[in-house]
Protein backbone atom coordinates (compact mmCIF):
# COMPACT_ATOMS: atom_id res chain seq x y z
CA MET A 1 38.93 -9.23 19.67
CA SER A 2 36.56 -11.92 17.85
CA TYR A 3 38.59 -14.59 16.01
CA LYS A 4 36.89 -16.26 12.54
CA THR A 5 38.03 -19.09 11.40
CA THR A 6 39.54 -19.30 7.45
CA LYS A 7 39.53 -21.89 5.14
CA LYS A 8 42.99 -22.60 6.25
CA HIS A 9 41.81 -23.61 9.55
CA PHE A 10 38.96 -25.40 8.01
CA ASP A 11 41.22 -27.37 5.89
CA TYR A 12 43.65 -28.59 8.77
CA PHE A 13 40.16 -29.42 10.98
CA LYS A 14 39.23 -31.94 8.11
CA LYS A 15 42.66 -33.16 7.93
CA CYS A 16 42.80 -33.64 11.62
CA CYS A 17 39.22 -35.34 11.93
CA LEU A 18 40.52 -37.77 9.02
CA LYS A 19 43.64 -38.77 10.84
CA TYR A 20 41.72 -39.58 13.83
CA THR A 21 39.20 -41.47 11.98
CA VAL A 22 41.87 -43.81 10.56
CA GLU A 23 43.66 -44.01 13.86
CA PHE A 24 40.01 -45.19 15.56
CA GLY A 25 39.61 -47.58 12.48
CA LEU A 26 36.27 -45.90 11.54
CA GLY A 27 36.50 -46.30 7.86
CA GLU A 28 32.81 -47.32 7.36
CA TRP A 29 31.46 -44.20 8.39
CA GLN A 30 30.81 -41.85 5.69
CA LEU A 31 31.89 -37.98 6.62
CA PHE A 32 30.53 -34.57 5.41
CA PHE A 33 32.19 -31.59 6.68
CA ASP A 34 30.54 -27.78 7.27
CA HIS A 35 32.30 -24.73 7.95
CA GLY A 36 30.36 -22.03 9.97
CA SER A 37 27.12 -23.82 10.94
CA CYS A 38 26.34 -24.94 14.61
CA PHE A 39 24.49 -28.13 15.50
CA GLY A 40 22.38 -28.39 18.73
CA ASN A 41 21.60 -25.91 21.43
CA ASP A 42 25.10 -25.10 22.29
CA CYS A 43 26.02 -22.48 19.52
CA ASP A 44 29.53 -21.39 21.40
CA ASP A 45 31.04 -24.72 20.58
CA PHE A 46 34.30 -24.37 18.47
CA ALA A 47 33.15 -27.54 16.48
CA SER A 48 30.29 -29.52 16.75
CA ILE A 49 28.98 -33.21 15.35
CA ASN A 50 25.53 -33.95 13.76
CA PHE A 51 24.61 -37.83 13.42
CA ALA A 52 22.17 -38.67 10.43
CA ASP A 53 18.66 -39.27 11.83
CA ASN A 54 18.97 -43.35 10.92
CA ASN A 55 21.77 -44.47 13.69
CA PHE A 56 22.38 -47.37 11.41
CA ASP A 57 23.53 -45.25 8.29
CA LYS A 58 26.88 -44.02 9.83
CA ILE A 59 26.64 -41.01 8.47
CA VAL A 60 28.14 -37.96 10.17
CA THR A 61 28.68 -34.15 9.66
CA LEU A 62 31.55 -32.42 11.45
CA SER A 63 31.62 -28.64 11.54
CA LEU A 64 33.99 -26.11 12.56
CA SER A 65 32.75 -22.97 13.77
CA ASN A 66 33.63 -19.89 11.72
CA ASP A 67 33.39 -18.01 15.20
CA TRP A 68 35.73 -18.75 17.76
CA GLY A 69 35.10 -15.39 20.01
CA ASP A 70 37.95 -14.27 22.08
CA VAL A 71 39.76 -17.67 21.30
CA ALA A 72 42.37 -17.58 18.70
CA PRO A 73 41.95 -20.84 16.57
CA ILE A 74 45.72 -22.23 16.75
CA ASN A 75 46.57 -25.44 15.38
CA ARG A 76 46.54 -27.24 18.67
CA ARG A 77 43.29 -26.19 19.65
CA ILE A 78 41.69 -27.04 15.84
CA ASP A 79 43.32 -30.80 16.19
CA PHE A 80 42.05 -30.79 19.90
CA ALA A 81 38.48 -29.75 18.21
CA ALA A 82 38.98 -32.45 15.72
CA TYR A 83 39.55 -35.22 18.49
CA HIS A 84 36.93 -34.56 20.33
CA GLU A 85 34.25 -34.93 17.48
CA VAL A 86 35.84 -37.82 16.39
CA ALA A 87 35.76 -39.15 20.10
CA HIS A 88 31.88 -39.02 19.86
CA ILE A 89 31.75 -41.40 16.77
CA VAL A 90 33.84 -43.68 18.57
CA LEU A 91 31.48 -43.77 21.58
CA PHE A 92 28.01 -43.22 19.65
CA PRO A 93 26.87 -47.24 19.18
CA MET A 94 27.11 -47.27 22.97
CA VAL A 95 25.50 -43.90 23.63
CA CYS A 96 22.39 -45.21 21.43
CA CYS A 97 22.10 -48.36 23.70
CA LEU A 98 22.40 -46.41 27.01
CA LEU A 99 19.69 -44.18 25.65
CA GLU A 100 17.62 -47.15 25.75
CA TYR A 101 17.73 -47.35 29.52
CA TYR A 102 18.92 -43.80 30.89
CA SER A 103 18.11 -40.51 30.64
CA ASP A 104 19.48 -38.28 27.97
CA LYS A 105 21.12 -35.84 30.27
CA MET A 106 22.65 -38.74 32.10
CA VAL A 107 23.92 -40.19 28.97
CA GLN A 108 25.25 -37.15 27.70
CA SER A 109 27.16 -36.31 30.84
CA LEU A 110 28.64 -39.84 30.81
CA TRP A 111 29.57 -39.46 27.08
CA HIS A 112 31.46 -36.30 27.44
CA GLU A 113 33.24 -37.65 30.54
CA ALA A 114 34.61 -40.54 28.50
CA ILE A 115 35.77 -37.94 26.04
CA ARG A 116 37.27 -36.19 28.42
CA ARG A 117 39.19 -38.87 29.81
CA MET A 118 40.24 -39.78 26.21
CA GLU A 119 41.12 -36.03 25.75
CA LYS A 120 43.42 -36.14 28.57
CA SER A 121 45.07 -39.37 27.43
CA LYS A 122 46.16 -37.84 24.04
CA PHE A 123 46.84 -34.28 25.02
CA GLY A 124 47.29 -34.15 28.55
CA ASN A 125 46.07 -31.61 30.98
CA GLU A 126 46.84 -28.34 29.17
CA LEU A 127 44.20 -28.94 26.44
CA ALA A 128 41.64 -31.04 28.20
CA VAL A 129 41.49 -29.11 31.03
CA GLY A 130 42.39 -25.58 30.11
CA PHE A 131 41.28 -25.29 26.37
CA CYS A 132 40.40 -21.78 26.31
CA ASP A 133 43.54 -20.59 28.59
CA GLU A 134 45.96 -18.87 26.92
């Protein structure tokens, strides 16, 4: 079965993203939201983020994929996906600095390692380790 996200799922995703930007004190960021498109090379993601070309503009688009494949888009997973994308914003300034000295591959790996630790702290191992498990 192939699960698709609805407007209701998208509205919940936006609500969660906004909640986490407030919790992390990211009020200076300008947020845009998209439902359905995917950014980057991995279009199998449940959600994605796209930063403006100029890192100092603090503009970001958060996207909820409309196709979740065989994974049901239930609220706890949407909340988790929103947290993951907002965590990218939290660490973004540090990532930009690291890219001046280290390879993109290494920085991407460290970025996601830090995000996984944040996720485990917030959600425990259930979602952070087995997001796609039923």
